[in-house]
Each structure stands twice: as structure tokens, then as C-alpha cells.
Amino acid sequence: AGLKIHMSQKSNPVNKVISLALDMKRHVMSNEVFQIKIGIHYGNVIAGVIGHHKPQFSLI
């Protein structure tokens, strides 16, 4: 049911996020003062307090 829309690799949101992350990483690698870590998740999000000794609010 519904209209099926074909997404090319360039218009796919997941590919756009990965491309952005790689561009950010390349830019940061040229700067010794700044560091970055990137995690990409696709799907449902879980939020809550994690940790026994040092509880922290996290999004997973």
C-alpha cells in the first residue's frame, strides 16, 4: 500500500549521517587540539540512568 519511493545512496538518511561523521572525523584529525568520538545508531532509542558507582543519564 502507498507510494514506493526509491532512495538513491546519496539521499539515504543513514548514508548522509555516515558521510557527515566521516567528514567531521577527517576535519578533526587535522587539528591536534580537538578530539572527537562518533557513534551512530539507527533504530529505537532508550534513555535512562546507567551505572552503579557513577550514575549518568544516557541515550542508547
Protein backbone atom coordinates (compact mmCIF):
# COMPACT_ATOMS: atom_id res chain seq x y z
CA ALA A 1 0.00 0.00 0.00
CA GLY A 2 1.16 3.52 -0.63
CA LEU A 3 3.62 5.12 -3.00
CA LYS A 4 7.02 3.49 -3.08
CA ILE A 5 9.84 6.00 -3.34
CA HIS A 6 13.27 4.76 -4.41
CA MET A 7 16.06 6.37 -2.43
CA SER A 8 19.44 6.61 -4.04
CA GLN A 9 22.51 6.08 -1.89
CA LYS A 10 23.12 9.83 -1.77
CA SER A 11 19.61 10.62 -0.49
CA ASN A 12 19.50 7.79 2.08
CA PRO A 13 19.49 9.40 5.57
CA VAL A 14 21.82 6.73 7.01
CA ASN A 15 24.40 7.33 4.28
CA LYS A 16 24.14 11.09 4.85
CA VAL A 17 24.84 10.69 8.58
CA ILE A 18 27.80 8.38 7.96
CA SER A 19 29.20 10.76 5.35
CA LEU A 20 28.85 13.68 7.79
CA ALA A 21 30.58 11.69 10.56
CA LEU A 22 33.49 10.78 8.29
CA ASP A 23 33.84 14.42 7.15
CA MET A 24 33.86 15.57 10.79
CA LYS A 25 36.47 12.95 11.71
CA ARG A 26 38.73 13.98 8.79
CA HIS A 27 38.45 17.64 9.77
CA VAL A 28 39.25 16.95 13.42
CA MET A 29 42.21 14.70 12.56
CA SER A 30 43.93 17.77 11.07
CA ASN A 31 43.62 19.57 14.42
CA GLU A 32 45.77 18.19 17.26
CA VAL A 33 43.96 20.25 19.92
CA PHE A 34 40.48 18.86 19.33
CA GLN A 35 39.36 15.21 19.55
CA ILE A 36 36.04 13.63 18.62
CA LYS A 37 34.37 10.24 19.02
CA ILE A 38 31.34 9.40 16.94
CA GLY A 39 28.75 6.70 17.46
CA ILE A 40 25.92 6.09 15.01
CA HIS A 41 22.73 4.24 15.93
CA TYR A 42 19.80 3.51 13.68
CA GLY A 43 16.56 2.37 15.27
CA ASN A 44 14.79 2.79 18.59
CA VAL A 45 16.32 4.94 21.32
CA ILE A 46 16.44 4.03 25.00
CA ALA A 47 17.05 6.72 27.62
CA GLY A 48 17.81 6.25 31.29
CA VAL A 49 20.28 6.38 34.14
CA ILE A 50 23.15 3.89 33.72
CA GLY A 51 25.86 3.00 36.20
CA HIS A 52 26.08 1.95 39.84
CA HIS A 53 29.18 3.79 41.11
CA LYS A 54 28.76 6.86 38.90
CA PRO A 55 25.15 7.03 37.62
CA GLN A 56 24.80 9.05 34.42
CA PHE A 57 21.85 9.80 32.17
CA SER A 58 22.49 8.21 28.79
CA LEU A 59 20.83 7.72 25.43
CA ILE A 60 21.35 4.32 23.87
